[in-house]
Protein backbone atom coordinates (compact mmCIF):
# COMPACT_ATOMS: atom_id res chain seq x y z
CA MET A 1 114.64 128.34 94.44
CA ALA A 2 114.05 127.29 90.96
CA GLU A 3 112.51 128.54 87.77
CA TYR A 4 109.53 126.70 86.05
CA LYS A 5 107.97 127.70 82.75
CA LEU A 6 104.78 127.48 82.46
CA LEU A 7 104.03 125.93 78.71
CA LEU A 8 100.63 125.97 76.90
CA PRO A 9 99.43 122.36 76.90
CA SER A 10 98.01 120.24 74.24
CA MET A 11 94.21 121.29 73.66
CA GLY A 12 93.15 118.11 71.19
CA GLU A 13 93.93 116.51 67.53
CA GLY A 14 94.49 119.58 65.16
CA VAL A 15 94.83 122.57 67.74
CA MET A 16 98.54 123.89 67.45
CA GLU A 17 97.52 127.40 69.02
CA ALA A 18 95.55 129.69 71.00
CA THR A 19 95.01 133.19 71.76
CA ILE A 20 95.56 134.77 75.11
CA ILE A 21 92.19 136.13 76.61
CA THR A 22 93.42 137.65 79.97
CA TRP A 23 95.82 136.50 82.75
CA LEU A 24 93.98 135.92 86.11
CA PHE A 25 97.10 136.66 88.07
CA ASN A 26 99.50 139.28 87.55
CA GLU A 27 103.32 139.12 87.97
CA GLY A 28 104.55 138.71 91.70
CA ASP A 29 101.42 136.89 92.56
CA ASN A 30 101.64 133.37 94.10
CA VAL A 31 99.74 130.70 92.54
CA LYS A 32 98.92 126.74 93.82
CA GLU A 33 99.07 123.72 92.13
CA ASP A 34 95.81 123.56 89.90
CA ASP A 35 94.94 127.37 90.13
CA SER A 36 93.67 128.62 86.72
CA VAL A 37 96.35 131.01 86.04
CA VAL A 38 94.97 132.25 82.20
CA GLU A 39 92.25 132.33 79.80
CA ILE A 40 92.66 131.18 76.50
CA ALA A 41 90.85 130.86 73.24
CA THR A 42 91.09 128.75 70.10
CA ASP A 43 88.49 129.03 67.27
CA LYS A 44 85.68 127.69 68.92
CA VAL A 45 86.39 126.97 72.77
CA ASP A 46 87.46 129.79 75.57
CA SER A 47 89.24 127.58 78.38
CA ASP A 48 91.53 128.15 81.32
CA VAL A 49 94.98 126.88 81.82
CA PRO A 50 95.85 125.77 85.18
CA THR A 51 99.38 125.34 86.65
CA PRO A 52 100.71 121.88 87.49
CA VAL A 53 102.84 123.46 90.26
CA SER A 54 102.78 126.05 92.91
CA GLY A 55 104.90 129.26 92.99
CA LYS A 56 104.91 132.67 92.44
CA ILE A 57 104.72 134.25 88.95
CA VAL A 58 107.88 136.19 87.96
CA LYS A 59 107.25 136.94 84.20
CA ILE A 60 104.59 136.69 81.93
CA LEU A 61 105.86 135.66 78.27
CA LYS A 62 102.70 136.15 76.69
CA GLN A 63 100.55 139.25 76.74
CA LYS A 64 96.72 139.50 76.17
CA ASP A 65 95.54 139.16 72.55
CA GLU A 66 99.01 137.63 71.85
CA VAL A 67 99.36 134.01 70.21
CA ALA A 68 101.12 130.82 71.51
CA LYS A 69 101.75 127.58 70.05
CA VAL A 70 101.18 124.31 71.84
CA GLY A 71 104.45 123.59 73.95
CA GLU A 72 105.45 127.28 74.07
CA ALA A 73 106.16 129.03 77.48
CA ILE A 74 103.85 131.28 78.09
CA ALA A 75 105.03 132.21 81.71
CA ILE A 76 108.08 132.00 84.04
CA LEU A 77 107.40 130.75 87.77
CA GLU A 78 109.76 130.47 90.81
CA ILE A 79 108.99 127.41 92.71
CA GLU A 80 110.94 125.81 95.57
CA GLY A 81 113.44 122.94 95.14
CA GLU A 82 116.30 122.80 92.53
CA GLY A 83 115.88 122.22 88.77
CA GLY A 84 112.70 122.84 87.23
CA ASN A 85 111.60 122.33 83.91
CA THR A 86 113.60 124.05 80.61
CA ALA A 87 112.93 125.70 77.49
CA SER A 88 114.02 122.50 75.76
CA GLU A 89 111.62 120.44 77.87
CA GLU A 90 109.03 118.61 75.53
CA VAL A 91 105.29 118.88 76.04
CA LYS A 92 103.24 115.60 75.57
CA THR A 93 100.66 116.18 72.64
CA GLU A 94 98.59 113.57 70.67
CA ALA A 95 100.10 111.89 67.77
CA PRO A 96 101.04 114.25 65.19
CA ALA A 97 100.97 113.96 61.46
CA PRO A 98 103.96 111.77 59.98
CA THR A 99 107.20 113.26 60.70
CA PRO A 100 108.51 115.84 57.84
CA ASP A 101 111.75 115.32 56.34
CA ALA A 102 114.74 117.80 56.93
CA GLU A 103 113.96 119.88 53.97
CA THR A 104 110.38 120.19 55.37
CA LEU A 105 111.64 120.90 58.96
CA LYS A 106 113.75 123.42 57.57
CA THR A 107 111.05 125.09 56.00
CA ILE A 108 108.86 125.24 59.17
CA GLU A 109 111.80 126.63 61.17
CA GLY A 110 112.41 129.52 58.51
CA ALA A 111 108.51 130.22 58.39
CA LEU A 112 108.18 130.55 62.00
CA GLN A 113 111.08 133.49 62.33
CA PRO A 114 109.47 136.91 62.15
CA THR A 115 109.86 138.52 58.69
CA ALA A 116 110.21 142.34 58.11
CA THR A 117 110.49 142.25 54.27
CA SER A 118 107.41 140.54 53.31
CA HIS A 119 104.53 142.76 51.78
CA VAL A 120 102.12 139.88 51.07
CA GLU A 121 98.58 141.19 52.38
CA PHE A 122 95.32 138.90 52.25
CA SER A 123 91.74 139.99 52.32
CA GLY A 124 89.05 138.71 55.14
CA ASP A 125 87.68 136.32 52.35
CA LEU A 126 89.97 133.41 53.80
CA TYR A 127 90.32 132.27 57.08
CA LEU A 128 94.12 132.36 58.00
CA SER A 129 95.67 131.48 61.57
CA PRO A 130 98.57 133.48 62.45
CA LEU A 131 100.53 130.55 61.88
CA VAL A 132 99.39 129.73 58.43
CA LYS A 133 99.50 133.29 57.29
CA SER A 134 103.05 133.68 58.74
CA ILE A 135 104.29 130.90 56.48
CA ALA A 136 102.27 132.11 53.60
CA GLN A 137 104.19 135.38 54.12
CA GLN A 138 107.41 134.08 54.47
CA GLU A 139 107.01 132.12 51.36
CA ASN A 140 105.45 134.78 49.21
CA ILE A 141 102.40 132.68 48.72
CA SER A 142 99.50 134.56 47.11
CA GLU A 143 96.03 134.89 48.19
CA THR A 144 95.19 132.84 44.95
CA GLU A 145 97.38 130.22 45.41
CA LEU A 146 96.12 129.83 49.12
CA GLN A 147 92.73 129.39 47.56
CA SER A 148 93.65 126.58 45.40
CA ILE A 149 95.21 124.68 48.71
CA LYS A 150 92.54 122.21 49.84
CA GLY A 151 92.34 122.78 53.64
CA ASN A 152 91.79 119.49 55.79
CA GLY A 153 91.28 121.66 59.38
CA LEU A 154 87.93 122.71 60.80
CA GLU A 155 85.55 123.49 58.02
CA GLY A 156 88.06 123.24 55.47
CA ARG A 157 90.72 125.74 56.59
CA ILE A 158 94.07 125.44 55.72
CA THR A 159 96.31 124.14 58.35
CA LYS A 160 100.27 124.38 59.02
CA GLU A 161 100.35 120.70 57.53
CA ASP A 162 98.59 121.79 54.49
CA ILE A 163 100.53 124.85 53.61
CA LEU A 164 103.86 122.92 54.44
CA ALA A 165 102.99 120.24 51.63
CA TYR A 166 102.14 122.85 49.39
CA VAL A 167 105.23 124.56 50.05
CA ALA A 168 107.19 121.29 49.60
CA ASN A 169 105.36 120.45 46.26
CA ARG A 170 105.34 124.07 44.83
CA GLY A 171 107.54 123.71 42.32
CA ASN A 172 105.72 120.80 40.35
CA GLN A 173 102.44 123.36 40.93
CA PRO A 174 100.92 125.46 37.84
CA GLN A 175 101.98 128.83 37.91
CA ALA A 176 98.79 131.20 38.93
CA ALA A 177 98.09 133.89 36.45
CA PRO A 178 99.32 137.24 37.17
CA GLN A 179 96.63 139.05 39.14
CA ALA A 180 96.92 142.31 37.05
CA ALA A 181 96.62 140.50 33.95
CA ALA A 182 93.14 139.70 33.68
CA THR A 183 90.00 139.82 35.52
CA PRO A 184 89.21 136.75 38.39
CA ALA A 185 86.87 134.35 36.90
CA PRO A 186 83.33 134.90 38.32
CA ALA A 187 83.45 131.43 39.94
CA GLN A 188 86.26 132.35 42.36
CA LYS A 189 83.89 134.99 43.83
CA PRO A 190 80.13 134.16 44.72
CA ALA A 191 77.68 136.90 43.84
CA VAL A 192 76.65 136.71 47.90
CA SER A 193 80.04 138.00 48.60
CA ALA A 194 79.55 141.55 47.74
CA PRO A 195 80.40 143.81 50.44
CA ALA A 196 77.84 145.07 52.73
CA ALA A 197 76.32 148.29 52.87
CA THR A 198 77.77 151.10 55.00
CA VAL A 199 75.53 151.80 57.91
CA SER A 200 76.11 155.13 59.49
CA ALA A 201 75.26 155.90 63.44
CA ALA A 202 72.66 158.29 64.02
CA ALA A 203 73.13 160.76 67.16
CA GLY A 204 72.32 158.41 70.18
CA ASP A 205 73.14 155.18 68.46
CA GLU A 206 75.37 153.06 70.81
CA ILE A 207 78.07 151.15 68.69
CA ILE A 208 79.16 147.76 69.88
CA PRO A 209 82.27 146.02 68.69
CA MET A 210 81.81 142.11 68.22
CA ASP A 211 83.79 140.13 70.59
CA ARG A 212 86.06 137.06 69.16
CA MET A 213 83.33 134.62 69.61
CA ARG A 214 80.60 136.86 67.71
CA LYS A 215 82.86 137.35 64.96
CA ILE A 216 83.88 133.74 64.44
CA ILE A 217 80.09 133.00 64.72
CA ALA A 218 79.08 135.34 62.10
CA GLU A 219 81.80 134.08 59.34
CA ASN A 220 80.74 130.76 60.13
CA MET A 221 76.75 131.32 59.48
CA VAL A 222 77.22 133.37 56.29
CA LYS A 223 79.87 130.42 55.03
CA ALA A 224 77.27 128.30 55.83
CA LYS A 225 74.61 129.89 53.95
CA GLN A 226 76.83 130.35 50.99
CA THR A 227 77.92 126.57 50.98
CA ALA A 228 74.64 124.84 51.29
CA PRO A 229 71.58 125.33 49.63
CA HIS A 230 68.97 125.09 52.66
CA VAL A 231 65.50 123.64 52.62
CA THR A 232 63.49 123.11 55.57
CA SER A 233 60.70 121.00 56.34
CA PHE A 234 58.41 120.93 59.17
CA ILE A 235 56.47 118.67 61.21
CA GLU A 236 54.08 118.63 64.28
CA THR A 237 54.64 115.99 66.83
CA ASP A 238 52.23 114.71 69.37
CA VAL A 239 54.61 114.14 72.53
CA THR A 240 52.37 113.48 75.06
CA ASN A 241 53.55 110.11 76.00
CA VAL A 242 57.24 111.37 76.08
CA VAL A 243 55.87 113.88 78.83
CA LYS A 244 54.06 111.65 80.92
CA TRP A 245 57.38 109.20 80.95
CA ARG A 246 59.58 112.09 82.04
CA ASN A 247 57.09 113.38 84.75
CA LYS A 248 57.08 109.68 85.84
CA HIS A 249 60.80 109.15 86.10
CA LYS A 250 62.58 112.54 86.40
CA ASP A 251 62.70 112.67 90.32
CA ILE A 252 63.33 108.92 90.57
CA PHE A 253 66.26 109.41 87.98
CA GLU A 254 67.37 112.75 90.15
CA LYS A 255 67.50 110.67 93.46
CA ARG A 256 69.48 107.93 91.98
CA GLU A 257 71.85 109.61 89.60
CA GLY A 258 72.07 113.02 91.08
CA GLU A 259 71.42 114.15 87.49
CA LYS A 260 68.18 116.32 86.07
CA LEU A 261 66.61 114.32 83.22
CA THR A 262 65.85 116.64 80.43
CA PHE A 263 63.70 116.27 77.07
CA MET A 264 67.15 116.69 75.12
CA PRO A 265 68.16 112.79 76.02
CA ILE A 266 64.83 111.89 74.41
CA PHE A 267 65.12 113.92 71.41
CA VAL A 268 68.58 112.38 70.87
CA LYS A 269 67.58 109.29 71.39
CA ALA A 270 65.08 109.60 68.44
CA ILE A 271 67.18 111.27 66.11
CA VAL A 272 69.97 108.31 66.55
CA LYS A 273 67.96 105.82 65.68
CA ALA A 274 66.58 107.88 62.60
CA ILE A 275 69.91 108.02 61.52
CA GLN A 276 70.42 104.68 61.87
CA ASP A 277 67.25 104.08 59.64
CA TYR A 278 68.69 106.69 57.13
CA PRO A 279 72.41 107.00 57.33
CA MET A 280 72.66 109.05 54.20
CA ILE A 281 71.86 112.15 56.91
CA ASN A 282 75.33 111.61 58.62
CA VAL A 283 77.41 112.38 55.82
CA SER A 284 79.54 115.35 54.80
CA ILE A 285 80.84 116.82 51.23
CA ASN A 286 84.45 116.65 50.25
CA GLY A 287 84.17 118.45 46.46
CA ASP A 288 82.33 115.87 44.54
CA ASN A 289 82.71 112.93 46.98
CA ILE A 290 80.01 111.93 49.75
CA ILE A 291 81.60 111.16 53.06
CA LYS A 292 79.57 108.52 54.91
CA LYS A 293 80.55 108.99 58.66
CA LYS A 294 80.68 105.73 60.56
CA ASN A 295 80.41 107.44 63.77
CA ILE A 296 77.01 109.18 65.11
CA ASN A 297 78.14 112.39 67.09
CA ILE A 298 75.30 114.85 67.89
CA GLY A 299 76.05 118.45 67.93
CA MET A 300 73.91 120.33 70.87
CA ALA A 301 73.70 123.91 69.91
CA THR A 302 73.99 125.48 73.59
CA ALA A 303 73.15 129.38 74.27
CA LEU A 304 75.88 130.91 76.39
CA PRO A 305 75.07 133.48 79.36
CA ASP A 306 77.01 136.28 77.36
CA GLY A 307 74.32 135.70 74.61
CA ASN A 308 77.01 133.89 72.05
CA LEU A 309 76.26 130.22 70.86
CA ILE A 310 78.24 127.18 71.45
CA VAL A 311 77.99 123.69 69.95
CA PRO A 312 79.83 120.63 72.25
CA VAL A 313 79.40 117.46 70.69
CA ILE A 314 77.99 114.24 72.15
CA LYS A 315 80.56 111.64 70.82
CA ASN A 316 79.04 108.00 69.68
CA ALA A 317 75.74 109.01 70.99
CA ASP A 318 74.24 105.47 69.48
CA GLN A 319 76.59 103.84 71.96
CA LEU A 320 74.77 105.57 74.82
CA SER A 321 71.85 104.47 76.96
CA LEU A 322 69.41 107.24 77.91
CA SER A 323 70.93 107.53 81.21
CA GLY A 324 74.24 107.89 79.29
CA LEU A 325 72.92 110.42 77.02
CA ALA A 326 71.18 112.45 79.99
CA LYS A 327 74.59 112.50 82.05
CA ALA A 328 76.71 113.64 78.76
CA ILE A 329 74.36 116.21 77.84
CA ASN A 330 74.24 117.76 81.18
CA ASP A 331 77.80 117.85 81.82
CA LEU A 332 78.42 119.35 78.35
CA ALA A 333 76.01 122.01 78.95
CA TYR A 334 77.19 122.94 82.47
CA ARG A 335 81.02 123.00 80.99
CA ALA A 336 79.66 125.06 77.99
CA ARG A 337 77.92 127.83 80.08
CA ASN A 338 80.89 127.67 82.57
CA LYS A 339 83.75 127.79 80.26
CA LYS A 340 85.12 124.77 80.78
CA LEU A 341 85.03 122.87 77.47
CA ARG A 342 88.07 121.59 75.75
CA PRO A 343 88.82 122.09 72.18
CA GLU A 344 87.66 118.20 71.11
CA ASP A 345 84.42 119.06 72.88
CA THR A 346 83.13 120.98 70.27
CA GLN A 347 84.82 119.07 67.34
CA GLY A 348 83.62 116.11 65.15
CA ALA A 349 79.56 116.49 65.11
CA THR A 350 78.06 114.72 62.26
CA TYR A 351 74.33 116.01 62.90
CA THR A 352 73.41 118.77 65.26
CA ILE A 353 70.12 119.77 66.98
CA SER A 354 68.70 123.03 68.33
CA ASN A 355 66.31 123.31 71.16
CA VAL A 356 64.60 126.72 69.97
CA GLY A 357 61.79 125.83 72.27
CA SER A 358 63.78 126.59 75.35
CA PHE A 359 63.22 130.28 74.52
CA GLY A 360 59.50 129.82 74.00
CA ASN A 361 59.48 129.69 70.06
CA LEU A 362 57.21 127.29 68.21
CA MET A 363 59.69 126.49 65.39
CA GLY A 364 62.41 127.69 63.45
CA THR A 365 64.53 127.33 60.41
CA PRO A 366 68.21 126.64 61.75
CA ILE A 367 71.32 127.02 59.61
CA ILE A 368 73.23 123.69 58.88
CA PRO A 369 76.98 123.66 60.60
CA GLN A 370 79.47 122.97 57.96
CA PRO A 371 80.60 120.41 57.07
CA GLN A 372 77.47 118.81 58.18
CA VAL A 373 74.51 118.64 55.80
CA ALA A 374 71.53 118.70 58.13
CA ILE A 375 70.31 120.27 61.55
CA LEU A 376 66.98 119.71 63.55
CA ALA A 377 65.44 122.41 65.35
CA ILE A 378 62.96 121.29 68.38
CA GLY A 379 60.00 123.65 69.29
CA ALA A 380 58.36 124.55 72.78
CA ILE A 381 55.88 121.78 73.86
CA VAL A 382 52.54 123.19 74.19
CA LYS A 383 49.11 121.92 75.33
CA LYS A 384 46.53 122.13 72.38
CA PRO A 385 43.37 120.31 71.40
CA ALA A 386 43.90 117.53 68.86
CA VAL A 387 41.85 115.06 66.96
CA LEU A 388 42.49 111.45 68.26
CA GLU A 389 41.32 108.41 66.51
CA THR A 390 39.74 105.84 68.69
CA LYS A 391 38.00 102.53 68.29
CA ASP A 392 34.92 104.16 68.97
CA GLY A 393 35.72 107.16 66.60
CA ASP A 394 37.18 110.16 66.60
CA VAL A 395 37.69 112.32 69.55
CA ILE A 396 38.70 115.76 70.75
CA ALA A 397 41.53 115.75 73.44
CA ILE A 398 44.13 117.98 75.05
CA ARG A 399 47.76 116.84 73.92
CA GLN A 400 51.15 117.83 74.01
CA LEU A 401 51.99 118.89 70.65
CA MET A 402 55.69 120.24 69.38
CA PHE A 403 56.87 121.28 66.17
CA MET A 404 60.12 120.17 64.65
CA SER A 405 62.06 121.80 61.68
CA HIS A 406 64.54 119.76 59.71
CA SER A 407 66.76 121.91 57.39
CA TYR A 408 69.09 119.89 55.04
CA ASP A 409 71.50 120.36 52.43
CA HIS A 410 69.99 119.90 48.90
CA ARG A 411 73.25 119.23 47.18
CA VAL A 412 73.34 115.77 48.57
CA VAL A 413 69.78 115.30 50.51
CA ASP A 414 66.77 115.82 48.56
CA GLY A 415 62.99 116.43 50.10
CA SER A 416 62.17 112.39 49.88
CA LEU A 417 65.20 111.50 52.31
CA GLY A 418 65.01 114.90 54.23
CA GLY A 419 61.24 114.16 54.70
CA MET A 420 61.35 110.80 55.78
CA PHE A 421 64.26 111.24 57.88
CA LEU A 422 62.01 113.89 59.82
CA LYS A 423 59.15 111.52 59.65
CA HIS A 424 60.91 108.68 61.70
CA VAL A 425 62.00 111.09 64.35
CA HIS A 426 58.53 111.85 64.67
CA ASP A 427 57.37 108.72 64.75
CA TYR A 428 59.95 107.70 67.48
CA LEU A 429 58.74 110.24 69.76
CA GLN A 430 54.82 110.18 69.09
CA ASN A 431 54.99 106.24 69.77
CA TRP A 432 57.44 106.51 72.80
CA ASP A 433 57.42 103.56 74.80
CA MET A 434 55.99 104.32 78.29
CA ASN A 435 57.65 101.19 79.58
CA THR A 436 61.00 102.56 78.36
CA GLU A 437 63.59 102.16 81.11
CA VAL A 438 66.33 104.71 82.01
């Protein structure tokens, strides 16, 4: 028999660690190759880790709620044969940032060692991963210094590379003023960050602690509203042609492709065309700079069975046909609802769509996911009487109508751009070509 160390696998670019949610097997249990043995969580995605070998779990090294780094052993299996892997065996990961020099490597090694003498504490205003927090505490970096570090991670968060670069150049940084010597400048703390009022539970009230994902959603929504001044425009669209076209093709498509043809790929196709007409909607803000995105990656807000929300991303949506969009959307929605998404499936969105109509809502005022600058909400399709212009005059007819709500960041998207973009999505849908192939 041989010993095999089960390592935390690579989970995509920029993801360096994960939290153990629950083990699906216990010590002493036998597992087969490709069995999912543990559920893990990153900032956005819950997923399973399969075992690449069959054997018996003899030791679980990382317990529930503990954090493991990519490439770190999380369990030991007993397998048949000789040899097996060792603790020094390397795990394949995506191409990392440039290799740090010897001095920086020494800093990393020191930062990863536990420390009992550090007394640096941080408030909840900054999101810090356990690894970044460990390095900050080891190097006695104050929260004021951390706020001065420009983060290059998801939604501007400070990554390991950011804080190590700061440590390497710390001697050249201007010293922060002592905290006790002066009151912090008002600009450092927005007025909206005042603590929430304390709510007391009355007799019979049920107290439900937020789960990990709900806490992340709450943090992201508050940050999005604090960051971007939201403006929302509305338009009502006649999608009668879209409904007729889908009804004509959905059974043929499902028989041919084994996939359902929903309205979502049609909406995404219209959004992609409008982005190509108005590319300044497909941007992000970095300080005083506007980053115009080359790729068109559409985020798709998806409700989960537990009531939480996740946004998988259709990468390079402009390069997909209607059929390709339908398959990509169905695949992402299925994997989202069954906890099969990979971390990279939720990264890199440049524009997002939310289908509030799936809950019977006519319209909504969606919150813009950072660092994007716009989001579109699609309302329910409802039969209504409408005035139609014909060659013989105006008539009233029963039509399929739908509201769309477009929220945009008024720092860079003015009403003219936000409104014209929405009108172009409207035009593409209202004038849908019944001869479109799928």
